C-alpha atoms as a PDB file:
ATOM      1  CA  MET A   1     -64.009  -9.888  -6.772  1.00  0.00           C
ATOM      2  CA  ALA A   2     -65.948  -7.908  -9.337  1.00  0.00           C
ATOM      3  CA  THR A   3     -67.574 -10.006 -12.052  1.00  0.00           C
ATOM      4  CA  MET A   4     -67.627  -9.266 -15.906  1.00  0.00           C
ATOM      5  CA  THR A   5     -71.348  -8.863 -15.540  1.00  0.00           C
ATOM      6  CA  ASP A   6     -70.676  -6.083 -12.945  1.00  0.00           C
ATOM      7  CA  ILE A   7     -68.278  -4.351 -15.302  1.00  0.00           C
ATOM      8  CA  ALA A   8     -70.557  -4.731 -18.370  1.00  0.00           C
ATOM      9  CA  LYS A   9     -73.542  -3.210 -16.542  1.00  0.00           C
ATOM     10  CA  ILE A  10     -71.570  -0.128 -15.434  1.00  0.00           C
ATOM     11  CA  ALA A  11     -69.786   0.274 -18.819  1.00  0.00           C
ATOM     12  CA  GLY A  12     -73.117  -0.185 -20.784  1.00  0.00           C
ATOM     13  CA  VAL A  13     -71.670  -2.859 -23.034  1.00  0.00           C
ATOM     14  CA  SER A  14     -72.210  -6.676 -23.422  1.00  0.00           C
ATOM     15  CA  ILE A  15     -70.463  -9.224 -21.329  1.00  0.00           C
ATOM     16  CA  ALA A  16     -68.847 -10.592 -24.535  1.00  0.00           C
ATOM     17  CA  THR A  17     -67.306  -7.189 -25.204  1.00  0.00           C
ATOM     18  CA  VAL A  18     -65.964  -6.969 -21.595  1.00  0.00           C
ATOM     19  CA  SER A  19     -64.394 -10.399 -21.894  1.00  0.00           C
ATOM     20  CA  ARG A  20     -62.733  -9.625 -25.228  1.00  0.00           C
ATOM     21  CA  VAL A  21     -61.316  -6.400 -23.950  1.00  0.00           C
ATOM     22  CA  LEU A  22     -59.886  -7.803 -20.736  1.00  0.00           C
ATOM     23  CA  ASN A  23     -58.348 -10.671 -22.796  1.00  0.00           C
ATOM     24  CA  TYR A  24     -56.688  -8.158 -25.072  1.00  0.00           C
ATOM     25  CA  ASP A  25     -58.544  -9.649 -28.095  1.00  0.00           C
ATOM     26  CA  GLU A  26     -56.872  -7.915 -30.995  1.00  0.00           C
ATOM     27  CA  THR A  27     -59.732  -8.803 -33.473  1.00  0.00           C
ATOM     28  CA  LEU A  28     -62.258  -6.693 -31.378  1.00  0.00           C
ATOM     29  CA  SER A  29     -63.037  -3.351 -33.086  1.00  0.00           C
ATOM     30  CA  ALA A  30     -63.772  -1.506 -29.786  1.00  0.00           C
ATOM     31  CA  SER A  31     -62.956   2.124 -29.547  1.00  0.00           C
ATOM     32  CA  GLU A  32     -60.106   3.335 -27.272  1.00  0.00           C
ATOM     33  CA  GLU A  33     -62.660   5.149 -25.234  1.00  0.00           C
ATOM     34  CA  THR A  34     -64.604   1.924 -24.729  1.00  0.00           C
ATOM     35  CA  ARG A  35     -61.501  -0.082 -23.807  1.00  0.00           C
ATOM     36  CA  ARG A  36     -60.330   2.667 -21.364  1.00  0.00           C
ATOM     37  CA  LYS A  37     -63.805   2.742 -19.693  1.00  0.00           C
ATOM     38  CA  ILE A  38     -63.742  -1.042 -19.185  1.00  0.00           C
ATOM     39  CA  PHE A  39     -60.212  -1.166 -17.887  1.00  0.00           C
ATOM     40  CA  GLU A  40     -60.920   1.777 -15.436  1.00  0.00           C
ATOM     41  CA  ILE A  41     -64.041   0.188 -14.155  1.00  0.00           C
ATOM     42  CA  ALA A  42     -62.427  -3.134 -13.702  1.00  0.00           C
ATOM     43  CA  GLU A  43     -59.596  -1.464 -11.723  1.00  0.00           C
ATOM     44  CA  SER A  44     -62.003   0.755  -9.716  1.00  0.00           C
ATOM     45  CA  LEU A  45     -64.382  -2.099  -8.596  1.00  0.00           C
ATOM     46  CA  ASP A  46     -61.359  -3.774  -7.085  1.00  0.00           C
ATOM     47  CA  TYR A  47     -60.304  -0.679  -5.230  1.00  0.00           C
ATOM     48  CA  THR A  48     -61.048  -0.384  -1.563  1.00  0.00           C
ATOM     49  CA  LYS A  49     -63.366   2.624  -1.182  1.00  0.00           C
ATOM     50  CA  HIS A  50     -62.661   5.121   1.625  1.00  0.00           C
ATOM     51  CA  LYS A  51     -64.816   7.893   3.114  1.00  0.00           C
ATOM     52  CA  GLN A  52     -63.692  11.211   1.780  1.00  0.00           C
ATOM     53  CA  LYS A  53     -61.722  12.935   4.616  1.00  0.00           C
ATOM     54  CA  SER A  54     -62.053  16.511   3.344  1.00  0.00           C
ATOM     55  CA  THR A  55     -64.498  18.474   1.285  1.00  0.00           C
ATOM     56  CA  LYS A  56     -62.451  21.705   1.442  1.00  0.00           C
ATOM     57  CA  LYS A  57     -59.870  22.108  -1.353  1.00  0.00           C
ATOM     58  CA  VAL A  58     -56.488  22.338   0.094  1.00  0.00           C
ATOM     59  CA  GLY A  59     -54.322  22.630  -3.121  1.00  0.00           C
ATOM     60  CA  LYS A  60     -53.834  21.356  -6.687  1.00  0.00           C
ATOM     61  CA  ILE A  61     -51.371  18.767  -7.943  1.00  0.00           C
ATOM     62  CA  ALA A  62     -50.288  17.510 -11.291  1.00  0.00           C
ATOM     63  CA  ILE A  63     -50.246  13.822 -11.937  1.00  0.00           C
ATOM     64  CA  VAL A  64     -47.825  13.277 -14.689  1.00  0.00           C
ATOM     65  CA  GLN A  65     -47.770  10.056 -16.597  1.00  0.00           C
ATOM     66  CA  TRP A  66     -44.543   8.805 -18.234  1.00  0.00           C
ATOM     67  CA  ASN A  67     -46.397   6.839 -20.889  1.00  0.00           C
ATOM     68  CA  THR A  68     -48.946   7.941 -23.342  1.00  0.00           C
ATOM     69  CA  GLU A  69     -52.734   7.293 -22.954  1.00  0.00           C
ATOM     70  CA  GLU A  70     -52.504   4.431 -25.524  1.00  0.00           C
ATOM     71  CA  GLU A  71     -49.566   2.882 -23.714  1.00  0.00           C
ATOM     72  CA  GLU A  72     -51.451   2.982 -20.531  1.00  0.00           C
ATOM     73  CA  LEU A  73     -54.212   0.805 -22.027  1.00  0.00           C
ATOM     74  CA  ASN A  74     -51.523  -1.698 -23.214  1.00  0.00           C
ATOM     75  CA  ASP A  75     -50.260  -2.074 -19.675  1.00  0.00           C
ATOM     76  CA  ILE A  76     -52.760  -0.927 -17.110  1.00  0.00           C
ATOM     77  CA  TYR A  77     -50.222  -1.229 -14.236  1.00  0.00           C
ATOM     78  CA  TYR A  78     -49.707   2.524 -14.243  1.00  0.00           C
ATOM     79  CA  MET A  79     -53.488   3.101 -14.695  1.00  0.00           C
ATOM     80  CA  SER A  80     -54.067   1.248 -11.450  1.00  0.00           C
ATOM     81  CA  ILE A  81     -51.457   3.376  -9.662  1.00  0.00           C
ATOM     82  CA  ARG A  82     -52.976   6.489 -11.008  1.00  0.00           C
ATOM     83  CA  ILE A  83     -56.492   5.647  -9.818  1.00  0.00           C
ATOM     84  CA  GLY A  84     -55.219   4.969  -6.274  1.00  0.00           C
ATOM     85  CA  ALA A  85     -53.414   8.308  -6.288  1.00  0.00           C
ATOM     86  CA  GLU A  86     -56.508  10.122  -7.662  1.00  0.00           C
ATOM     87  CA  ASN A  87     -58.811   8.682  -5.066  1.00  0.00           C
ATOM     88  CA  ARG A  88     -56.432   9.544  -2.282  1.00  0.00           C
ATOM     89  CA  ALA A  89     -56.084  13.078  -3.530  1.00  0.00           C
ATOM     90  CA  ARG A  90     -59.802  13.386  -3.334  1.00  0.00           C
ATOM     91  CA  ASP A  91     -59.634  12.171   0.272  1.00  0.00           C
ATOM     92  CA  HIS A  92     -57.250  14.928   1.109  1.00  0.00           C
ATOM     93  CA  GLY A  93     -59.367  17.535  -0.858  1.00  0.00           C
ATOM     94  CA  ILE A  94     -56.587  18.044  -3.425  1.00  0.00           C
ATOM     95  CA  GLU A  95     -57.666  18.984  -6.934  1.00  0.00           C
ATOM     96  CA  ILE A  96     -56.135  16.898  -9.668  1.00  0.00           C
ATOM     97  CA  SER A  97     -54.774  17.505 -13.085  1.00  0.00           C
ATOM     98  CA  THR A  98     -53.690  14.421 -14.936  1.00  0.00           C
ATOM     99  CA  LEU A  99     -51.331  15.036 -17.718  1.00  0.00           C
ATOM    100  CA  TYR A 100     -49.492  12.938 -20.240  1.00  0.00           C
ATOM    101  CA  GLU A 101     -47.046  15.618 -21.505  1.00  0.00           C
ATOM    102  CA  LEU A 102     -44.549  17.370 -19.450  1.00  0.00           C
ATOM    103  CA  GLY A 103     -44.838  20.557 -21.519  1.00  0.00           C
ATOM    104  CA  LYS A 104     -48.272  21.097 -20.343  1.00  0.00           C
ATOM    105  CA  ILE A 105     -47.368  21.694 -16.607  1.00  0.00           C
ATOM    106  CA  THR A 106     -47.106  25.274 -15.242  1.00  0.00           C
ATOM    107  CA  SER A 107     -45.594  25.774 -11.880  1.00  0.00           C
ATOM    108  CA  SER A 108     -47.818  28.711 -10.981  1.00  0.00           C
ATOM    109  CA  ALA A 109     -50.882  26.549 -11.165  1.00  0.00           C
ATOM    110  CA  ILE A 110     -49.907  23.690  -8.821  1.00  0.00           C
ATOM    111  CA  ASP A 111     -48.629  22.827  -5.407  1.00  0.00           C
ATOM    112  CA  GLY A 112     -46.830  19.661  -6.223  1.00  0.00           C
ATOM    113  CA  ILE A 113     -46.120  16.915  -8.816  1.00  0.00           C
ATOM    114  CA  LEU A 114     -46.820  13.068  -8.639  1.00  0.00           C
ATOM    115  CA  ALA A 115     -44.625  11.628 -11.423  1.00  0.00           C
ATOM    116  CA  ILE A 116     -45.759   8.077 -12.474  1.00  0.00           C
ATOM    117  CA  GLY A 117     -43.311   5.959 -14.524  1.00  0.00           C
ATOM    118  CA  LYS A 118     -39.653   5.542 -15.448  1.00  0.00           C
ATOM    119  CA  PHE A 119     -38.500   9.123 -16.202  1.00  0.00           C
ATOM    120  CA  THR A 120     -35.098   9.904 -17.740  1.00  0.00           C
ATOM    121  CA  TRP A 121     -32.546  12.102 -16.091  1.00  0.00           C
ATOM    122  CA  GLN A 122     -33.547  14.866 -18.454  1.00  0.00           C
ATOM    123  CA  GLN A 123     -37.120  14.530 -17.586  1.00  0.00           C
ATOM    124  CA  VAL A 124     -36.383  14.512 -13.867  1.00  0.00           C
ATOM    125  CA  GLU A 125     -34.513  17.825 -14.364  1.00  0.00           C
ATOM    126  CA  GLN A 126     -37.619  19.235 -16.226  1.00  0.00           C
ATOM    127  CA  LEU A 127     -39.833  18.247 -13.359  1.00  0.00           C
ATOM    128  CA  GLN A 128     -37.410  19.722 -10.784  1.00  0.00           C
ATOM    129  CA  ALA A 129     -37.407  23.076 -12.622  1.00  0.00           C
ATOM    130  CA  ILE A 130     -41.226  23.184 -12.400  1.00  0.00           C
ATOM    131  CA  HIS A 131     -41.748  22.428  -8.803  1.00  0.00           C
ATOM    132  CA  SER A 132     -39.835  21.202  -5.733  1.00  0.00           C
ATOM    133  CA  ASN A 133     -42.617  19.266  -4.262  1.00  0.00           C
ATOM    134  CA  ILE A 134     -42.260  15.955  -6.287  1.00  0.00           C
ATOM    135  CA  CYS A 135     -42.945  12.316  -5.470  1.00  0.00           C
ATOM    136  CA  PHE A 136     -41.804   9.763  -7.995  1.00  0.00           C
ATOM    137  CA  VAL A 137     -43.567   6.502  -8.860  1.00  0.00           C
ATOM    138  CA  ASP A 138     -41.224   3.744 -10.403  1.00  0.00           C
ATOM    139  CA  THR A 139     -38.234   6.195 -10.965  1.00  0.00           C
ATOM    140  CA  ASP A 140     -35.499   4.907  -8.661  1.00  0.00           C
ATOM    141  CA  TYR A 141     -32.196   6.778  -9.102  1.00  0.00           C
ATOM    142  CA  ARG A 142     -31.695   7.322  -5.463  1.00  0.00           C
ATOM    143  CA  LEU A 143     -33.015  10.884  -5.843  1.00  0.00           C
ATOM    144  CA  ASN A 144     -31.905  12.096  -2.343  1.00  0.00           C
ATOM    145  CA  LYS A 145     -34.106  15.263  -2.389  1.00  0.00           C
ATOM    146  CA  TYR A 146     -37.212  13.620  -3.621  1.00  0.00           C
ATOM    147  CA  ASP A 147     -39.695  11.162  -2.266  1.00  0.00           C
ATOM    148  CA  SER A 148     -40.157   7.742  -3.937  1.00  0.00           C
ATOM    149  CA  VAL A 149     -41.957   4.421  -3.250  1.00  0.00           C
ATOM    150  CA  VAL A 150     -40.463   1.390  -4.855  1.00  0.00           C
ATOM    151  CA  ILE A 151     -41.187  -2.359  -5.095  1.00  0.00           C
ATOM    152  CA  ASP A 152     -39.001  -5.226  -3.542  1.00  0.00           C
ATOM    153  CA  PHE A 153     -38.375  -6.674  -6.950  1.00  0.00           C
ATOM    154  CA  ARG A 154     -35.543  -8.838  -5.633  1.00  0.00           C
ATOM    155  CA  GLN A 155     -37.542 -10.656  -3.115  1.00  0.00           C
ATOM    156  CA  SER A 156     -40.514 -11.121  -5.440  1.00  0.00           C
ATOM    157  CA  THR A 157     -38.289 -12.825  -8.009  1.00  0.00           C
ATOM    158  CA  ARG A 158     -36.950 -15.117  -5.322  1.00  0.00           C
ATOM    159  CA  ASP A 159     -40.458 -15.962  -4.236  1.00  0.00           C
ATOM    160  CA  VAL A 160     -41.366 -17.092  -7.790  1.00  0.00           C
ATOM    161  CA  ILE A 161     -38.255 -19.220  -8.314  1.00  0.00           C
ATOM    162  CA  ASP A 162     -38.610 -20.820  -4.962  1.00  0.00           C
ATOM    163  CA  TYR A 163     -42.402 -21.590  -5.712  1.00  0.00           C
ATOM    164  CA  PHE A 164     -41.358 -23.228  -8.909  1.00  0.00           C
ATOM    165  CA  VAL A 165     -38.517 -25.276  -7.452  1.00  0.00           C
ATOM    166  CA  GLN A 166     -40.735 -26.509  -4.699  1.00  0.00           C
ATOM    167  CA  GLY A 167     -43.090 -27.587  -7.418  1.00  0.00           C
ATOM    168  CA  GLY A 168     -40.345 -29.717  -8.962  1.00  0.00           C
ATOM    169  CA  HIS A 169     -39.295 -27.305 -11.758  1.00  0.00           C
ATOM    170  CA  MET A 170     -35.544 -27.112 -12.408  1.00  0.00           C
ATOM    171  CA  ASN A 171     -35.773 -25.674 -16.002  1.00  0.00           C
ATOM    172  CA  ILE A 172     -37.131 -22.215 -15.366  1.00  0.00           C
ATOM    173  CA  GLY A 173     -37.304 -19.558 -18.094  1.00  0.00           C
ATOM    174  CA  PHE A 174     -37.623 -15.892 -18.072  1.00  0.00           C
ATOM    175  CA  ILE A 175     -39.393 -13.512 -20.465  1.00  0.00           C
ATOM    176  CA  GLY A 176     -39.160  -9.801 -20.168  1.00  0.00           C
ATOM    177  CA  ALA A 177     -38.701  -6.451 -21.926  1.00  0.00           C
ATOM    178  CA  GLU A 178     -35.782  -4.302 -22.674  1.00  0.00           C
ATOM    179  CA  GLU A 179     -35.055  -1.601 -20.055  1.00  0.00           C
ATOM    180  CA  ARG A 180     -31.728   0.106 -19.917  1.00  0.00           C
ATOM    181  CA  SER A 181     -30.120   2.435 -17.347  1.00  0.00           C
ATOM    182  CA  GLU A 182     -30.118   6.108 -18.088  1.00  0.00           C
ATOM    183  CA  ILE A 183     -26.707   6.071 -16.277  1.00  0.00           C
ATOM    184  CA  ASP A 184     -24.532   3.495 -18.116  1.00  0.00           C
ATOM    185  CA  GLY A 185     -26.878   1.863 -20.652  1.00  0.00           C
ATOM    186  CA  ASN A 186     -26.780  -1.607 -19.130  1.00  0.00           C
ATOM    187  CA  MET A 187     -29.863  -3.779 -18.789  1.00  0.00           C
ATOM    188  CA  ASN A 188     -31.316  -2.721 -15.494  1.00  0.00           C
ATOM    189  CA  ASP A 189     -34.946  -4.176 -15.141  1.00  0.00           C
ATOM    190  CA  PRO A 190     -34.841  -5.504 -11.610  1.00  0.00           C
ATOM    191  CA  ARG A 191     -36.809  -8.593 -12.447  1.00  0.00           C
ATOM    192  CA  SER A 192     -34.365  -9.825 -15.123  1.00  0.00           C
ATOM    193  CA  VAL A 193     -31.238  -8.835 -12.961  1.00  0.00           C
ATOM    194  CA  SER A 194     -32.727 -10.571  -9.954  1.00  0.00           C
ATOM    195  CA  TYR A 195     -33.692 -13.668 -11.957  1.00  0.00           C
ATOM    196  CA  VAL A 196     -30.063 -14.202 -13.285  1.00  0.00           C
ATOM    197  CA  ALA A 197     -28.683 -13.541  -9.766  1.00  0.00           C
ATOM    198  CA  TYR A 198     -30.907 -15.951  -7.913  1.00  0.00           C
ATOM    199  CA  MET A 199     -30.863 -18.726 -10.597  1.00  0.00           C
ATOM    200  CA  ARG A 200     -27.096 -18.651 -10.305  1.00  0.00           C
ATOM    201  CA  GLU A 201     -27.182 -18.598  -6.522  1.00  0.00           C
ATOM    202  CA  ARG A 202     -29.356 -21.801  -6.605  1.00  0.00           C
ATOM    203  CA  GLU A 203     -27.059 -23.248  -9.322  1.00  0.00           C
ATOM    204  CA  LEU A 204     -29.888 -23.463 -11.810  1.00  0.00           C
ATOM    205  CA  TYR A 205     -28.830 -20.853 -14.349  1.00  0.00           C
ATOM    206  CA  GLU A 206     -26.738 -23.133 -16.569  1.00  0.00           C
ATOM    207  CA  LYS A 207     -29.730 -25.617 -16.626  1.00  0.00           C
ATOM    208  CA  GLN A 208     -32.180 -23.110 -17.928  1.00  0.00           C
ATOM    209  CA  ASN A 209     -32.835 -22.890 -21.633  1.00  0.00           C
ATOM    210  CA  MET A 210     -34.589 -19.737 -22.215  1.00  0.00           C
ATOM    211  CA  PHE A 211     -33.740 -16.110 -20.999  1.00  0.00           C
ATOM    212  CA  VAL A 212     -35.447 -13.668 -23.316  1.00  0.00           C
ATOM    213  CA  VAL A 213     -35.385  -9.939 -22.787  1.00  0.00           C
ATOM    214  CA  GLY A 214     -36.647  -7.783 -25.748  1.00  0.00           C
ATOM    215  CA  GLY A 215     -39.520  -5.725 -27.069  1.00  0.00           C
ATOM    216  CA  ARG A 216     -42.027  -3.961 -24.898  1.00  0.00           C
ATOM    217  CA  PHE A 217     -44.112  -4.802 -21.778  1.00  0.00           C
ATOM    218  CA  ASP A 218     -47.224  -5.635 -23.687  1.00  0.00           C
ATOM    219  CA  VAL A 219     -49.346  -8.571 -24.932  1.00  0.00           C
ATOM    220  CA  PRO A 220     -47.844  -8.805 -28.552  1.00  0.00           C
ATOM    221  CA  SER A 221     -44.335  -8.826 -27.178  1.00  0.00           C
ATOM    222  CA  GLY A 222     -45.038 -11.700 -24.767  1.00  0.00           C
ATOM    223  CA  TYR A 223     -46.732 -13.623 -27.510  1.00  0.00           C
ATOM    224  CA  GLU A 224     -43.829 -13.205 -29.950  1.00  0.00           C
ATOM    225  CA  GLN A 225     -41.169 -14.209 -27.354  1.00  0.00           C
ATOM    226  CA  MET A 226     -43.010 -17.248 -26.167  1.00  0.00           C
ATOM    227  CA  LYS A 227     -43.635 -18.238 -29.836  1.00  0.00           C
ATOM    228  CA  GLN A 228     -39.883 -17.835 -30.540  1.00  0.00           C
ATOM    229  CA  ALA A 229     -39.134 -20.038 -27.440  1.00  0.00           C
ATOM    230  CA  ILE A 230     -41.444 -22.770 -28.649  1.00  0.00           C
ATOM    231  CA  GLN A 231     -40.052 -22.825 -32.216  1.00  0.00           C
ATOM    232  CA  GLN A 232     -36.485 -22.819 -31.091  1.00  0.00           C
ATOM    233  CA  LEU A 233     -36.594 -25.236 -28.165  1.00  0.00           C
ATOM    234  CA  GLY A 234     -39.359 -27.770 -29.069  1.00  0.00           C
ATOM    235  CA  ASP A 235     -39.363 -30.458 -26.477  1.00  0.00           C
ATOM    236  CA  ASP A 236     -36.674 -28.742 -24.475  1.00  0.00           C
ATOM    237  CA  LEU A 237     -39.125 -25.783 -23.653  1.00  0.00           C
ATOM    238  CA  PRO A 238     -38.802 -24.921 -19.948  1.00  0.00           C
ATOM    239  CA  THR A 239     -41.475 -26.414 -17.688  1.00  0.00           C
ATOM    240  CA  ALA A 240     -41.974 -22.979 -16.024  1.00  0.00           C
ATOM    241  CA  PHE A 241     -41.689 -19.326 -16.990  1.00  0.00           C
ATOM    242  CA  PHE A 242     -41.372 -16.137 -14.898  1.00  0.00           C
ATOM    243  CA  VAL A 243     -42.765 -13.420 -17.058  1.00  0.00           C
ATOM    244  CA  ALA A 244     -41.960  -9.673 -16.206  1.00  0.00           C
ATOM    245  CA  ASN A 245     -45.539  -8.418 -16.176  1.00  0.00           C
ATOM    246  CA  ASP A 246     -49.088  -9.548 -16.761  1.00  0.00           C
ATOM    247  CA  PRO A 247     -49.784  -8.339 -20.272  1.00  0.00           C
ATOM    248  CA  MET A 248     -46.671 -10.210 -21.473  1.00  0.00           C
ATOM    249  CA  ALA A 249     -47.875 -13.365 -19.563  1.00  0.00           C
ATOM    250  CA  ILE A 250     -51.112 -13.143 -21.281  1.00  0.00           C
ATOM    251  CA  GLY A 251     -49.293 -13.048 -24.630  1.00  0.00           C
ATOM    252  CA  CYS A 252     -47.405 -16.109 -23.580  1.00  0.00           C
ATOM    253  CA  LEU A 253     -50.638 -17.958 -22.712  1.00  0.00           C
ATOM    254  CA  ARG A 254     -52.025 -17.098 -26.130  1.00  0.00           C
ATOM    255  CA  ALA A 255     -48.916 -18.501 -27.806  1.00  0.00           C
ATOM    256  CA  LEU A 256     -48.935 -21.691 -25.774  1.00  0.00           C
ATOM    257  CA  ALA A 257     -52.667 -22.299 -26.564  1.00  0.00           C
ATOM    258  CA  GLU A 258     -52.015 -21.863 -30.264  1.00  0.00           C
ATOM    259  CA  HIS A 259     -49.397 -24.493 -30.131  1.00  0.00           C
ATOM    260  CA  ASN A 260     -51.571 -26.864 -28.037  1.00  0.00           C
ATOM    261  CA  ILE A 261     -49.216 -26.614 -25.127  1.00  0.00           C
ATOM    262  CA  ALA A 262     -51.090 -27.351 -21.901  1.00  0.00           C
ATOM    263  CA  VAL A 263     -50.925 -24.800 -19.129  1.00  0.00           C
ATOM    264  CA  PRO A 264     -50.050 -25.657 -16.358  1.00  0.00           C
ATOM    265  CA  GLU A 265     -49.600 -29.483 -17.170  1.00  0.00           C
ATOM    266  CA  ARG A 266     -46.777 -28.851 -19.481  1.00  0.00           C
ATOM    267  CA  VAL A 267     -45.648 -25.274 -18.794  1.00  0.00           C
ATOM    268  CA  SER A 268     -46.403 -23.207 -15.751  1.00  0.00           C
ATOM    269  CA  ILE A 269     -46.651 -19.444 -15.929  1.00  0.00           C
ATOM    270  CA  VAL A 270     -46.318 -16.713 -13.282  1.00  0.00           C
ATOM    271  CA  GLY A 271     -46.672 -12.983 -14.294  1.00  0.00           C
ATOM    272  CA  PHE A 272     -46.077  -9.887 -12.341  1.00  0.00           C
ATOM    273  CA  ASN A 273     -48.283  -6.982 -11.152  1.00  0.00           C
ATOM    274  CA  ASP A 274     -51.654  -8.800 -10.658  1.00  0.00           C
ATOM    275  CA  ILE A 275     -53.610  -6.308 -12.708  1.00  0.00           C
ATOM    276  CA  SER A 276     -57.341  -6.751 -12.600  1.00  0.00           C
ATOM    277  CA  VAL A 277     -57.268  -8.505 -15.997  1.00  0.00           C
ATOM    278  CA  SER A 278     -55.312 -11.371 -14.572  1.00  0.00           C
ATOM    279  CA  GLN A 279     -58.191 -13.049 -12.934  1.00  0.00           C
ATOM    280  CA  TYR A 280     -60.356 -12.939 -16.098  1.00  0.00           C
ATOM    281  CA  VAL A 281     -58.097 -14.563 -18.580  1.00  0.00           C
ATOM    282  CA  SER A 282     -58.259 -18.333 -19.203  1.00  0.00           C
ATOM    283  CA  PRO A 283     -56.492 -20.020 -17.436  1.00  0.00           C
ATOM    284  CA  ALA A 284     -56.542 -17.397 -14.696  1.00  0.00           C
ATOM    285  CA  LEU A 285     -53.089 -16.083 -14.268  1.00  0.00           C
ATOM    286  CA  SER A 286     -50.734 -16.859 -11.336  1.00  0.00           C
ATOM    287  CA  THR A 287     -48.886 -13.602 -10.591  1.00  0.00           C
ATOM    288  CA  ILE A 288     -46.909 -11.392  -8.117  1.00  0.00           C
ATOM    289  CA  ARG A 289     -49.411  -9.040  -6.539  1.00  0.00           C
ATOM    290  CA  VAL A 290     -48.376  -5.421  -6.374  1.00  0.00           C
ATOM    291  CA  TYR A 291     -50.493  -3.325  -4.360  1.00  0.00           C
ATOM    292  CA  THR A 292     -50.713  -0.688  -7.111  1.00  0.00           C
ATOM    293  CA  GLU A 293     -53.731   1.243  -5.507  1.00  0.00           C
ATOM    294  CA  PHE A 294     -51.840   1.468  -2.287  1.00  0.00           C
ATOM    295  CA  MET A 295     -48.732   2.609  -4.108  1.00  0.00           C
ATOM    296  CA  GLY A 296     -50.801   5.518  -5.453  1.00  0.00           C
ATOM    297  CA  GLU A 297     -52.255   6.182  -1.990  1.00  0.00           C
ATOM    298  CA  GLU A 298     -48.783   6.172  -0.391  1.00  0.00           C
ATOM    299  CA  ARG A 299     -47.239   8.462  -2.922  1.00  0.00           C
ATOM    300  CA  MET A 300     -50.096  10.880  -2.661  1.00  0.00           C
ATOM    301  CA  ASP A 301     -49.835  10.967   1.111  1.00  0.00           C
ATOM    302  CA  MET A 302     -46.165  11.668   0.789  1.00  0.00           C
ATOM    303  CA  LEU A 303     -46.756  14.573  -1.594  1.00  0.00           C
ATOM    304  CA  TYR A 304     -49.439  15.890   0.721  1.00  0.00           C
ATOM    305  CA  GLU A 305     -46.816  15.956   3.578  1.00  0.00           C
ATOM    306  CA  ARG A 306     -44.542  17.720   1.406  1.00  0.00           C
ATOM    307  CA  MET A 307     -47.220  20.314   0.587  1.00  0.00           C
ATOM    308  CA  ASN A 308     -47.594  20.769   4.344  1.00  0.00           C
ATOM    309  CA  GLY A 309     -43.979  21.445   5.071  1.00  0.00           C
ATOM    310  CA  ARG A 310     -41.984  18.218   5.348  1.00  0.00           C
ATOM    311  CA  LYS A 311     -38.404  18.802   4.138  1.00  0.00           C
ATOM    312  CA  ILE A 312     -36.668  15.466   4.529  1.00  0.00           C
ATOM    313  CA  ALA A 313     -37.037  12.983   1.658  1.00  0.00           C
ATOM    314  CA  LYS A 314     -38.607   9.524   2.210  1.00  0.00           C
ATOM    315  CA  ARG A 315     -38.024   6.279   0.192  1.00  0.00           C
ATOM    316  CA  THR A 316     -40.493   3.419   0.946  1.00  0.00           C
ATOM    317  CA  ILE A 317     -40.124  -0.041  -0.140  1.00  0.00           C
ATOM    318  CA  LEU A 318     -43.329  -2.063  -0.518  1.00  0.00           C
ATOM    319  CA  GLU A 319     -43.611  -5.864  -0.225  1.00  0.00           C
ATOM    320  CA  THR A 320     -45.594  -8.069  -2.629  1.00  0.00           C
ATOM    321  CA  ASP A 321     -47.441 -11.355  -2.465  1.00  0.00           C
ATOM    322  CA  LEU A 322     -47.272 -14.356  -4.834  1.00  0.00           C
ATOM    323  CA  ILE A 323     -50.923 -15.215  -5.934  1.00  0.00           C
ATOM    324  CA  ILE A 324     -51.509 -18.731  -7.362  1.00  0.00           C
ATOM    325  CA  ARG A 325     -54.206 -19.280  -9.771  1.00  0.00           C
ATOM    326  CA  GLU A 326     -54.816 -21.740 -12.649  1.00  0.00           C
ATOM    327  CA  SER A 327     -51.721 -21.017 -14.775  1.00  0.00           C
ATOM    328  CA  SER A 328     -49.166 -22.669 -12.543  1.00  0.00           C
ATOM    329  CA  LYS A 329     -48.523 -25.620 -10.405  1.00  0.00           C
END
């Protein structure tokens, strides 16, 4: 595990600045460039280095980000995937162009596209028109002609609820963000859907007091939703919360601390993704570990296969692990 001292030394900033950035301290007046540098260094130091397999350039691909550069800083899940993909591309000798706008891609200049994020049908069609060699990251519409790698959200959610129940928690809340289907407009974030289904299966759904899905997958949204839960429920606040991603969980921890609610003694928190920041917050965040760097590597390998002639589409489902730290019991 990289320390904040390691990150500060490479970034050329103080340890205090690193700590405040990694804890999403809104009172810190650090530039976006400084924040990005710190987050990328934190992610890269946790990345398993590989020897470069090729020095000869074998092609060029575009890594297209669904979110903006600013949004990537608010939820560094996609940043971590990007870093894994970029490192693997270098292993293969592939030249990379990382873009945040679809309009900047030209088909004549690339041999394939790695599309990271939750693209709409319209955006998928735009990408298809640019190049046929595409691998999608986190877009799962059962795109039969195109490669994708997805997470087993259903099993991950069951693991969290089972862990809480084994610890004696029966009143288990959920905090997430709005995410609606491009097909029918229904709520379709797999974590919220799996939470409701498994809580009902275990006959716990009617006992829980708080299921909140709204806002964005970022720290302020988690903070506001937990604050709302505290104000509405008082002493009936659930003893455990499954939170849809780590930035939201960090916001939840902040709201609980402001209301002097002990974590994990009164409320246990488990997040999702295990971004590098999770180990630096206080208390250190329990979370579902998604192997984001491996996701980036796997997708780049699949795109490399496409560039070398594979025609049949592949869909890979990756498992996750529940990592227990200080925020839960």
